[in-house]
Amino acid sequence: MNYKVLTLLACGLFSYSVMGQNQPTTQTETLKKEMDPAVYLDSIKKTFVNHASSASIEKRWLNELMNQDLFKDLEAELADANFDDEDIRLDELPTELLKERLKRLNEKTPFNVEYNETLEKVIKSFLKKRKRSFERLIGLSEYYFPMFEEQLAKQNVPLEVKYLSIVESALNPTAKSRVGATGLWQFMYPTGKQYNLEVTSYTDDRIDPLKSSEAAAKFLSDLYGMFGDWDLVLASYNAGPGNVSKAIRRSNGYTNYWNIRPNLPRETQNYLPAFYATMYIFEYAKEHGIASKKSPIKVVETDTIAVKKTMSFDQIASLLDVSKEEITFLNPTYKLGVIPYDSGKQNFLRLPIKKIGLMASNEAKMYAYVDYVDSRKEQPNYNIVAESIVETASVNPRYHTIKKGESLGTIANKYGLSQTELKKLNNMKSSVIYPGKKLVVGKTAVAQASSKGSKSNFYTVQRGDSLSSISKKFAGVTVSKLKSLNNMKDADAIRPGMKLRVN
């Protein structure tokens, strides 16, 4: 007896445990459909294989990094300033000391760094008005310069060209000039296209720090092949090779930048002095008391990962606990804050290395969450569209004008009516008719769509209808047209309640 009880109890417990194992799958699917995305997000993140979290970039710093003011100020100054007419005194930098420092700079670079009064005025103007800006730029350079130097070295372009990006964009990847030049290296659309910088609805490679730096290095190398002088290369990068060639012709064939400078556009006249002034200030920042605002992140502390499903910056930020501002700073090329999945081209996400590890370890769960969010989006309901079409038929009389020689019988036969029906439609007691008189020979039903419906008109098939009888209700509609509009082969295939398109 006890043995039987124990056996039954064991069987019961086994059955319960099996049921318990099978049940969660069904419950999970049900809960998943009903669960709020925020709750689902939390539940997914609790299962993440975790890595030590990295310090995120301070929001205040991010706002500073993406600030457009410095770029706009510099753009306006290069376009409008007349440094030649300025008289700027700076006690901390006597002329003789500047000459000595420029001489040392010239020894270290293939550029022609030579003292002249214009360059002295630009250097002193920058030191007097832009010290705080250079603190920020030196901090930013810690992130950008390593990637610039790598690309410049590949193309045998002097590494000092990295300072050109400061003159071009103030190290702002989203900088856009008054004429549409975009990015750190200020590529116009046609030039960018020439160097494989693609622009789509989602992305702009001109804003991508790495891709645009590679393109800029190739472009500068090509310009050096044309002019063989780095000063002229920089001038042509700004003004275009054509304008530099014209300036050389107007200067009686002189090819030294300072000799052709008066024949260059105003902005280009200020361009090279601004470049050399920037180079000087970076090299002698300590001597002028310029303390760098240290960058909170360096490019070597980041890495990339291929994205295998379209994801928004908001989704990535929520899943990985990274601020959206940080993702935007590290991935400026994605204009809409969305990284699209393209089966023909890989798109990459750049993040701090530790966050890359977290994503790589939990990709499947992250993409499952993205699928879940997408599944909750409102889908088009085609039934609503169909039901919004109201088949109210406005009934209009159909007339026939009697011609000479016609009789009531011939007219009735023409419209599939009996003489009695025709007389009844026209309230006639006699069969006598006269040429020119109009007879009502039927009624035309015009289907009308509601304001919410589509432009097409539909008719709901009634009991006893045929394609022939339906066609007679609508002006200009034949049986063949009805079959064509509704992709019908068999004229007898209609059923009551079916909606037919009639025009």
Protein backbone atom coordinates (compact mmCIF):
# COMPACT_ATOMS: atom_id res chain seq x y z
CA MET A 1 0.00 0.00 0.00
CA ASN A 2 2.72 2.42 0.99
CA TYR A 3 4.68 1.39 -2.09
CA LYS A 4 1.72 2.28 -4.35
CA VAL A 5 1.30 5.67 -2.67
CA LEU A 6 4.99 6.47 -3.08
CA THR A 7 4.88 5.42 -6.73
CA LEU A 8 1.84 7.59 -7.46
CA LEU A 9 3.41 10.50 -5.60
CA ALA A 10 6.64 10.16 -7.59
CA CYS A 11 4.72 10.02 -10.87
CA GLY A 12 2.75 13.09 -9.87
CA LEU A 13 5.89 15.03 -9.02
CA PHE A 14 7.51 13.97 -12.31
CA SER A 15 4.46 15.06 -14.31
CA TYR A 16 4.41 18.40 -12.49
CA SER A 17 8.11 18.97 -13.17
CA VAL A 18 7.69 18.17 -16.88
CA MET A 19 4.75 20.52 -17.10
CA GLY A 20 6.82 23.14 -15.29
CA GLN A 21 9.59 22.77 -17.83
CA ASN A 22 7.29 23.09 -20.83
CA GLN A 23 5.17 25.92 -19.50
CA PRO A 24 7.65 28.85 -19.42
CA THR A 25 8.15 28.82 -23.20
CA THR A 26 4.47 29.49 -23.81
CA GLN A 27 4.33 32.04 -21.01
CA THR A 28 7.43 33.82 -22.29
CA GLU A 29 5.97 34.13 -25.78
CA THR A 30 2.68 35.45 -24.38
CA LEU A 31 4.37 37.87 -22.00
CA LYS A 32 6.73 39.03 -24.72
CA LYS A 33 3.78 40.05 -26.89
CA GLU A 34 2.13 41.97 -24.08
CA MET A 35 5.22 43.34 -22.29
CA ASP A 36 6.03 47.02 -22.35
CA PRO A 37 9.32 47.65 -24.27
CA ALA A 38 10.91 49.30 -21.20
CA VAL A 39 10.17 46.22 -19.09
CA TYR A 40 11.47 43.93 -21.82
CA LEU A 41 14.62 46.08 -22.09
CA ASP A 42 15.30 45.73 -18.36
CA SER A 43 14.70 41.99 -18.46
CA ILE A 44 17.11 41.56 -21.38
CA LYS A 45 19.85 43.68 -19.81
CA LYS A 46 19.71 41.57 -16.63
CA THR A 47 20.83 38.57 -18.72
CA PHE A 48 23.76 40.40 -20.38
CA VAL A 49 27.22 38.92 -20.03
CA ASN A 50 28.72 41.94 -18.28
CA HIS A 51 32.09 43.61 -18.53
CA ALA A 52 33.51 46.37 -16.36
CA SER A 53 31.76 49.56 -17.38
CA SER A 54 33.89 52.31 -18.90
CA ALA A 55 33.55 55.92 -17.88
CA SER A 56 31.31 57.75 -20.30
CA ILE A 57 32.26 61.06 -21.81
CA GLU A 58 31.02 63.92 -19.70
CA LYS A 59 27.97 65.57 -21.27
CA ARG A 60 29.41 69.06 -20.84
CA TRP A 61 32.47 67.99 -22.80
CA LEU A 62 30.36 66.47 -25.56
CA ASN A 63 28.44 69.71 -26.00
CA GLU A 64 31.78 71.49 -26.26
CA LEU A 65 33.08 69.00 -28.81
CA MET A 66 30.11 69.49 -31.15
CA ASN A 67 29.84 73.27 -30.68
CA GLN A 68 29.63 75.08 -34.05
CA ASP A 69 30.50 78.57 -32.73
CA LEU A 70 34.28 78.25 -33.05
CA PHE A 71 34.02 77.00 -36.64
CA LYS A 72 31.66 79.82 -37.63
CA ASP A 73 33.89 82.47 -36.02
CA LEU A 74 36.98 81.13 -37.77
CA GLU A 75 35.17 80.86 -41.11
CA ALA A 76 34.01 84.48 -40.86
CA GLU A 77 37.47 85.71 -39.81
CA LEU A 78 39.24 84.01 -42.72
CA ALA A 79 36.67 85.35 -45.17
CA ASP A 80 36.54 88.96 -43.95
CA ALA A 81 39.58 89.86 -41.84
CA ASN A 82 42.38 92.01 -43.22
CA PHE A 83 45.36 91.02 -41.08
CA ASP A 84 47.74 93.17 -43.14
CA ASP A 85 46.09 96.33 -41.77
CA GLU A 86 46.01 95.21 -38.13
CA ASP A 87 48.42 96.61 -35.56
CA ILE A 88 48.58 94.08 -32.73
CA ARG A 89 51.08 94.33 -29.89
CA LEU A 90 51.87 91.37 -27.66
CA ASP A 91 54.57 91.89 -25.05
CA GLU A 92 54.98 88.17 -24.41
CA LEU A 93 56.19 87.63 -27.99
CA PRO A 94 58.83 90.10 -29.21
CA THR A 95 59.50 90.02 -32.95
CA GLU A 96 63.04 88.66 -32.55
CA LEU A 97 61.84 85.77 -30.39
CA LEU A 98 59.16 84.93 -32.95
CA LYS A 99 61.73 84.93 -35.76
CA GLU A 100 63.91 82.50 -33.83
CA ARG A 101 61.00 80.14 -33.12
CA LEU A 102 59.79 80.22 -36.74
CA LYS A 103 63.32 79.40 -37.87
CA ARG A 104 63.33 76.31 -35.63
CA LEU A 105 59.91 75.31 -36.97
CA ASN A 106 61.14 75.66 -40.55
CA GLU A 107 63.98 73.24 -39.84
CA LYS A 108 61.49 70.52 -38.84
CA THR A 109 59.02 70.74 -41.75
CA PRO A 110 58.98 70.68 -45.56
CA PHE A 111 56.78 73.81 -45.47
CA ASN A 112 58.29 77.25 -46.00
CA VAL A 113 57.85 78.65 -42.49
CA GLU A 114 59.45 82.06 -42.87
CA TYR A 115 58.92 85.21 -40.88
CA ASN A 116 56.95 88.09 -42.40
CA GLU A 117 54.86 90.85 -40.87
CA THR A 118 51.53 89.36 -41.96
CA LEU A 119 52.30 86.04 -40.28
CA GLU A 120 53.39 87.87 -37.11
CA LYS A 121 50.08 89.76 -37.00
CA VAL A 122 48.02 86.57 -37.45
CA ILE A 123 49.97 84.72 -34.72
CA LYS A 124 49.58 87.60 -32.27
CA SER A 125 45.89 88.04 -33.18
CA PHE A 126 45.22 84.35 -32.45
CA LEU A 127 47.16 84.49 -29.17
CA LYS A 128 45.35 87.61 -28.04
CA LYS A 129 41.80 86.64 -29.07
CA ARG A 130 41.73 82.84 -29.23
CA LYS A 131 43.75 81.40 -26.34
CA ARG A 132 40.70 79.74 -24.80
CA SER A 133 39.70 78.30 -28.17
CA PHE A 134 43.15 76.78 -28.61
CA GLU A 135 42.88 75.11 -25.19
CA ARG A 136 39.81 73.33 -26.49
CA LEU A 137 41.36 72.57 -29.91
CA ILE A 138 44.50 71.05 -28.37
CA GLY A 139 42.25 68.81 -26.25
CA LEU A 140 40.24 67.74 -29.29
CA SER A 141 43.42 67.05 -31.24
CA GLU A 142 44.26 64.22 -28.82
CA TYR A 143 41.29 62.34 -30.28
CA TYR A 144 41.55 63.31 -33.96
CA PHE A 145 45.27 63.78 -34.73
CA PRO A 146 46.30 60.10 -34.39
CA MET A 147 43.82 59.06 -37.12
CA PHE A 148 44.87 62.04 -39.29
CA GLU A 149 48.57 61.19 -38.96
CA GLU A 150 47.97 57.56 -39.91
CA GLN A 151 46.23 58.52 -43.17
CA LEU A 152 48.70 61.31 -44.03
CA ALA A 153 51.66 58.96 -43.52
CA LYS A 154 50.11 56.40 -45.89
CA GLN A 155 50.07 59.00 -48.68
CA ASN A 156 53.52 60.48 -47.83
CA VAL A 157 51.90 63.80 -46.92
CA PRO A 158 53.73 65.87 -44.25
CA LEU A 159 52.22 65.21 -40.83
CA GLU A 160 51.98 68.96 -40.17
CA VAL A 161 49.03 68.99 -42.60
CA LYS A 162 46.95 67.79 -39.64
CA TYR A 163 46.79 71.46 -38.56
CA LEU A 164 44.88 72.21 -41.76
CA SER A 165 41.78 70.54 -40.31
CA ILE A 166 41.73 73.19 -37.57
CA VAL A 167 41.72 75.99 -40.14
CA GLU A 168 39.11 74.12 -42.20
CA SER A 169 36.62 73.04 -39.53
CA ALA A 170 37.92 73.85 -36.03
CA LEU A 171 37.92 70.04 -35.59
CA ASN A 172 34.13 69.84 -35.87
CA PRO A 173 33.08 66.80 -37.96
CA THR A 174 29.61 68.26 -38.59
CA ALA A 175 30.89 71.69 -39.68
CA LYS A 176 29.14 73.01 -42.79
CA SER A 177 30.32 76.13 -44.60
CA ARG A 178 28.24 78.82 -46.23
CA VAL A 179 28.81 77.18 -49.63
CA GLY A 180 28.02 73.62 -48.48
CA ALA A 181 31.51 72.24 -47.78
CA THR A 182 31.10 69.63 -45.04
CA GLY A 183 33.08 67.80 -42.38
CA LEU A 184 36.51 67.99 -40.74
CA TRP A 185 38.18 68.49 -44.12
CA GLN A 186 35.38 70.58 -45.68
CA PHE A 187 34.71 68.53 -48.80
CA MET A 188 32.32 69.89 -51.39
CA TYR A 189 29.93 67.23 -52.72
CA PRO A 190 31.58 66.77 -56.19
CA THR A 191 35.13 66.54 -54.77
CA GLY A 192 33.95 64.13 -52.09
CA LYS A 193 32.30 61.98 -54.75
CA GLN A 194 35.56 61.98 -56.71
CA TYR A 195 37.32 60.51 -53.67
CA ASN A 196 34.62 57.90 -52.90
CA LEU A 197 32.88 59.79 -50.10
CA GLU A 198 29.26 58.66 -50.42
CA VAL A 199 26.26 60.70 -49.34
CA THR A 200 22.93 58.92 -48.78
CA SER A 201 19.73 59.65 -46.89
CA TYR A 202 21.23 57.92 -43.84
CA THR A 203 24.96 58.67 -44.08
CA ASP A 204 27.47 61.30 -45.18
CA ASP A 205 31.03 59.99 -45.50
CA ARG A 206 32.34 63.57 -45.55
CA ILE A 207 31.43 63.66 -41.84
CA ASP A 208 33.18 60.35 -41.11
CA PRO A 209 36.54 61.27 -39.50
CA LEU A 210 38.41 58.23 -40.83
CA LYS A 211 36.98 58.12 -44.37
CA SER A 212 37.24 61.87 -44.89
CA SER A 213 40.84 61.89 -43.58
CA GLU A 214 41.78 59.14 -46.03
CA ALA A 215 40.17 61.11 -48.88
CA ALA A 216 41.86 64.37 -47.81
CA ALA A 217 45.29 62.70 -47.73
CA LYS A 218 44.78 61.33 -51.26
CA PHE A 219 43.51 64.69 -52.52
CA LEU A 220 46.49 66.56 -51.02
CA SER A 221 48.87 64.01 -52.52
CA ASP A 222 47.29 64.54 -55.95
CA LEU A 223 47.61 68.32 -55.58
CA TYR A 224 51.30 67.94 -54.72
CA GLY A 225 51.69 66.00 -57.95
CA MET A 226 50.33 69.07 -59.77
CA PHE A 227 52.27 71.86 -57.99
CA GLY A 228 55.28 70.23 -56.30
CA ASP A 229 55.11 72.79 -53.47
CA TRP A 230 53.26 72.28 -50.18
CA ASP A 231 52.38 75.96 -49.74
CA LEU A 232 50.67 75.95 -53.15
CA VAL A 233 49.01 72.63 -52.29
CA LEU A 234 47.32 74.20 -49.26
CA ALA A 235 46.32 77.29 -51.26
CA SER A 236 44.78 75.11 -53.98
CA TYR A 237 43.00 72.96 -51.36
CA ASN A 238 41.19 76.12 -50.31
CA ALA A 239 40.81 78.07 -53.56
CA GLY A 240 40.96 75.26 -56.11
CA PRO A 241 43.85 74.41 -58.48
CA GLY A 242 42.41 76.68 -61.18
CA ASN A 243 42.51 79.80 -59.02
CA VAL A 244 46.09 79.09 -57.93
CA SER A 245 47.17 78.61 -61.55
CA LYS A 246 45.51 81.93 -62.47
CA ALA A 247 47.28 83.68 -59.58
CA ILE A 248 50.64 82.32 -60.81
CA ARG A 249 49.95 83.67 -64.33
CA ARG A 250 48.88 87.07 -62.96
CA SER A 251 52.06 87.18 -60.86
CA ASN A 252 54.34 86.87 -63.92
CA GLY A 253 55.05 83.21 -63.27
CA TYR A 254 56.15 83.49 -59.64
CA THR A 255 55.37 80.30 -57.69
CA ASN A 256 56.19 81.33 -54.12
CA TYR A 257 52.93 81.60 -52.15
CA TRP A 258 53.82 85.00 -50.68
CA ASN A 259 54.54 86.38 -54.17
CA ILE A 260 51.20 85.24 -55.64
CA ARG A 261 49.19 85.96 -52.47
CA PRO A 262 47.83 89.38 -53.63
CA ASN A 263 46.24 87.64 -56.64
CA LEU A 264 44.45 84.97 -54.61
CA PRO A 265 40.90 85.25 -53.18
CA ARG A 266 40.71 87.09 -49.82
CA GLU A 267 39.94 83.91 -47.87
CA THR A 268 42.97 82.13 -49.38
CA GLN A 269 45.17 85.15 -48.59
CA ASN A 270 44.35 84.53 -44.90
CA TYR A 271 44.39 80.74 -45.21
CA LEU A 272 48.10 79.93 -45.17
CA PRO A 273 48.97 82.51 -42.48
CA ALA A 274 46.20 80.95 -40.33
CA PHE A 275 47.69 77.49 -40.97
CA TYR A 276 51.19 78.59 -39.94
CA ALA A 277 49.84 80.49 -36.92
CA THR A 278 48.02 77.33 -35.80
CA MET A 279 51.17 75.25 -36.26
CA TYR A 280 53.16 77.78 -34.20
CA ILE A 281 50.64 77.91 -31.33
CA PHE A 282 50.43 74.10 -31.10
CA GLU A 283 54.23 73.85 -31.00
CA TYR A 284 54.67 76.64 -28.44
CA ALA A 285 51.46 76.30 -26.40
CA LYS A 286 53.30 75.83 -23.09
CA GLU A 287 55.43 78.91 -23.67
CA HIS A 288 52.26 80.97 -24.04
CA GLY A 289 50.49 79.46 -21.03
CA ILE A 290 47.92 77.54 -23.08
CA ALA A 291 46.85 74.54 -21.02
CA SER A 292 45.11 71.78 -22.95
CA LYS A 293 41.58 70.81 -22.00
CA LYS A 294 42.36 67.12 -21.89
CA SER A 295 40.21 64.97 -24.13
CA PRO A 296 38.20 62.46 -22.07
CA ILE A 297 38.63 59.85 -24.80
CA LYS A 298 41.29 58.92 -27.34
CA VAL A 299 40.75 57.12 -30.62
CA VAL A 300 42.93 54.22 -29.38
CA GLU A 301 40.39 53.69 -26.59
CA THR A 302 37.61 53.02 -29.11
CA ASP A 303 36.88 50.27 -31.59
CA THR A 304 34.29 49.40 -34.21
CA ILE A 305 31.81 46.56 -34.67
CA ALA A 306 29.76 45.68 -37.75
CA VAL A 307 26.03 46.24 -37.35
CA LYS A 308 23.87 43.33 -38.52
CA LYS A 309 20.45 44.95 -38.13
CA THR A 310 19.18 48.51 -38.46
CA MET A 311 19.52 50.14 -35.03
CA SER A 312 18.89 53.62 -33.71
CA PHE A 313 21.25 55.55 -31.43
CA ASP A 314 18.42 55.59 -28.85
CA GLN A 315 18.25 51.78 -28.85
CA ILE A 316 22.03 51.39 -28.56
CA ALA A 317 22.17 53.97 -25.75
CA SER A 318 19.43 52.16 -23.80
CA LEU A 319 20.94 48.71 -24.25
CA LEU A 320 24.58 49.57 -23.51
CA ASP A 321 24.11 52.42 -21.02
CA VAL A 322 26.02 54.88 -23.21
CA SER A 323 24.76 58.42 -23.65
CA LYS A 324 23.24 59.22 -27.03
CA GLU A 325 25.54 62.27 -27.19
CA GLU A 326 28.60 60.04 -26.90
CA ILE A 327 27.35 57.72 -29.65
CA THR A 328 26.67 60.76 -31.85
CA PHE A 329 30.17 62.14 -31.26
CA LEU A 330 31.83 58.81 -32.09
CA ASN A 331 29.58 58.14 -35.10
CA PRO A 332 28.87 61.51 -36.76
CA THR A 333 28.50 60.00 -40.23
CA TYR A 334 24.98 58.71 -39.42
CA LYS A 335 22.91 61.84 -40.05
CA LEU A 336 19.57 60.55 -38.76
CA GLY A 337 20.82 58.87 -35.60
CA VAL A 338 20.19 55.47 -37.21
CA ILE A 339 22.75 52.90 -38.36
CA PRO A 340 21.15 51.18 -41.36
CA TYR A 341 21.72 47.53 -42.21
CA ASP A 342 22.71 47.15 -45.86
CA SER A 343 23.24 43.63 -47.23
CA GLY A 344 25.57 45.05 -49.91
CA LYS A 345 27.73 47.17 -47.60
CA GLN A 346 28.87 46.84 -44.00
CA ASN A 347 28.14 49.73 -41.65
CA PHE A 348 30.12 50.04 -38.44
CA LEU A 349 29.42 51.38 -34.97
CA ARG A 350 32.29 53.01 -33.02
CA LEU A 351 32.17 52.76 -29.23
CA PRO A 352 34.55 52.74 -26.25
CA ILE A 353 36.40 49.40 -26.29
CA LYS A 354 34.68 48.07 -23.15
CA LYS A 355 31.25 48.76 -24.63
CA ILE A 356 32.30 46.98 -27.83
CA GLY A 357 33.07 43.93 -25.68
CA LEU A 358 29.64 44.15 -24.05
CA MET A 359 27.89 44.36 -27.42
CA ALA A 360 29.93 41.53 -28.98
CA SER A 361 29.02 39.26 -26.05
CA ASN A 362 25.29 40.04 -26.25
CA GLU A 363 24.57 40.67 -29.94
CA ALA A 364 21.80 38.08 -30.25
CA LYS A 365 19.91 39.51 -27.27
CA MET A 366 20.31 43.07 -28.52
CA TYR A 367 19.00 42.22 -31.98
CA ALA A 368 16.12 40.28 -30.40
CA TYR A 369 15.17 43.47 -28.54
CA VAL A 370 15.34 45.50 -31.78
CA ASP A 371 13.07 42.93 -33.47
CA TYR A 372 10.68 43.12 -30.54
CA VAL A 373 10.46 46.92 -30.72
CA ASP A 374 9.93 46.75 -34.49
CA SER A 375 7.17 44.16 -34.04
CA ARG A 376 5.22 46.62 -31.87
CA LYS A 377 5.14 49.31 -34.55
CA GLU A 378 1.72 49.97 -35.99
CA GLN A 379 1.24 48.07 -39.25
CA PRO A 380 -1.02 49.17 -42.13
CA ASN A 381 -4.53 47.67 -41.83
CA TYR A 382 -5.76 47.10 -45.36
CA ASN A 383 -9.20 46.07 -44.11
CA ILE A 384 -9.69 49.57 -42.68
CA VAL A 385 -8.75 51.05 -46.04
CA ALA A 386 -11.23 48.83 -47.85
CA GLU A 387 -14.02 49.48 -45.37
CA SER A 388 -13.49 53.24 -45.58
CA ILE A 389 -14.79 53.14 -49.13
CA VAL A 390 -18.50 53.85 -49.06
CA GLU A 391 -20.38 52.48 -52.00
CA THR A 392 -23.23 55.00 -51.91
CA ALA A 393 -24.67 55.12 -55.37
CA SER A 394 -26.11 58.33 -56.66
CA VAL A 395 -28.72 57.28 -59.23
CA ASN A 396 -29.00 59.46 -62.33
CA PRO A 397 -31.53 58.98 -65.20
CA ARG A 398 -30.16 57.66 -68.50
CA TYR A 399 -31.66 59.25 -71.64
CA HIS A 400 -32.10 58.39 -75.31
CA THR A 401 -32.95 61.03 -77.92
CA ILE A 402 -35.49 59.68 -80.44
CA LYS A 403 -34.27 59.64 -84.03
CA LYS A 404 -36.36 59.69 -87.19
CA GLY A 405 -37.63 56.19 -88.08
CA GLU A 406 -37.29 54.76 -84.57
CA SER A 407 -40.19 53.09 -82.80
CA LEU A 408 -40.84 52.43 -79.16
CA GLY A 409 -40.11 48.72 -79.79
CA THR A 410 -36.69 49.28 -81.43
CA ILE A 411 -35.62 51.65 -78.64
CA ALA A 412 -36.80 49.22 -75.94
CA ASN A 413 -34.85 46.34 -77.57
CA LYS A 414 -31.71 48.49 -77.78
CA TYR A 415 -31.63 48.92 -74.01
CA GLY A 416 -32.84 45.44 -73.02
CA LEU A 417 -36.27 46.66 -71.97
CA SER A 418 -39.82 45.68 -72.84
CA GLN A 419 -42.15 48.31 -74.33
CA THR A 420 -44.19 48.20 -71.12
CA GLU A 421 -41.07 48.92 -68.99
CA LEU A 422 -40.08 51.77 -71.30
CA LYS A 423 -43.55 53.31 -71.17
CA LYS A 424 -43.60 52.96 -67.37
CA LEU A 425 -40.20 54.72 -67.03
CA ASN A 426 -41.55 57.66 -69.05
CA ASN A 427 -45.14 57.70 -67.66
CA MET A 428 -46.48 57.07 -71.21
CA LYS A 429 -50.00 55.85 -71.94
CA SER A 430 -49.62 55.85 -75.72
CA SER A 431 -46.91 54.20 -77.86
CA VAL A 432 -46.69 57.25 -80.14
CA ILE A 433 -43.25 58.92 -80.11
CA TYR A 434 -41.72 61.94 -81.93
CA PRO A 435 -38.15 62.55 -83.23
CA GLY A 436 -36.09 64.82 -80.96
CA LYS A 437 -37.90 63.87 -77.79
CA LYS A 438 -35.84 62.36 -74.93
CA LEU A 439 -36.85 59.10 -73.31
CA VAL A 440 -35.61 57.75 -69.97
CA VAL A 441 -34.12 54.35 -70.80
CA GLY A 442 -32.63 53.39 -67.42
CA LYS A 443 -30.68 54.68 -64.44
CA THR A 444 -26.90 55.14 -64.04
CA ALA A 445 -25.45 54.36 -60.58
CA VAL A 446 -22.27 56.29 -59.78
CA ALA A 447 -20.27 54.81 -56.88
CA GLN A 448 -18.77 57.45 -54.62
CA ALA A 449 -15.75 57.03 -52.34
CA SER A 450 -15.73 58.61 -48.92
CA SER A 451 -13.17 61.32 -48.14
CA LYS A 452 -11.05 58.69 -46.37
CA GLY A 453 -11.15 56.27 -49.27
CA SER A 454 -8.98 55.90 -52.33
CA LYS A 455 -9.58 57.44 -55.74
CA SER A 456 -10.85 54.09 -57.14
CA ASN A 457 -14.64 53.43 -57.08
CA PHE A 458 -16.02 50.10 -55.95
CA TYR A 459 -19.36 48.30 -56.16
CA THR A 460 -20.61 45.64 -53.74
CA VAL A 461 -22.13 42.69 -55.60
CA GLN A 462 -25.80 42.09 -54.73
CA ARG A 463 -27.75 38.84 -54.93
CA GLY A 464 -28.81 38.25 -58.55
CA ASP A 465 -26.10 40.51 -60.05
CA SER A 466 -24.07 39.49 -63.08
CA LEU A 467 -21.12 41.27 -64.69
CA SER A 468 -23.46 42.25 -67.51
CA SER A 469 -26.08 43.78 -65.20
CA ILE A 470 -23.39 45.55 -63.14
CA SER A 471 -21.73 47.03 -66.23
CA LYS A 472 -25.04 48.62 -67.27
CA LYS A 473 -25.19 50.50 -63.96
CA PHE A 474 -22.02 52.48 -64.69
CA ALA A 475 -21.43 54.79 -67.63
CA GLY A 476 -18.57 53.68 -69.87
CA VAL A 477 -18.11 50.33 -68.12
CA THR A 478 -18.18 47.07 -70.09
CA VAL A 479 -17.99 43.44 -69.00
CA SER A 480 -14.45 43.23 -70.42
CA LYS A 481 -13.37 46.30 -68.46
CA LEU A 482 -14.79 44.87 -65.22
CA LYS A 483 -12.91 41.61 -65.76
CA SER A 484 -9.69 43.50 -66.49
CA LEU A 485 -10.00 45.87 -63.49
CA ASN A 486 -10.58 42.94 -61.13
CA ASN A 487 -8.17 40.40 -62.68
CA MET A 488 -11.04 38.02 -63.41
CA LYS A 489 -10.99 35.23 -65.97
CA ASP A 490 -14.42 33.76 -65.29
CA ALA A 491 -17.42 36.09 -65.54
CA ASP A 492 -19.39 33.79 -63.23
CA ALA A 493 -16.84 34.08 -60.40
CA ILE A 494 -18.66 36.89 -58.59
CA ARG A 495 -20.47 36.33 -55.29
CA PRO A 496 -22.82 38.52 -53.21
CA GLY A 497 -20.83 40.83 -50.91
CA MET A 498 -17.78 40.86 -53.16
CA LYS A 499 -16.32 44.32 -53.87
CA LEU A 500 -15.63 45.03 -57.52
CA ARG A 501 -13.57 47.90 -58.84
CA VAL A 502 -15.61 49.73 -61.48
CA ASN A 503 -13.14 52.39 -62.65
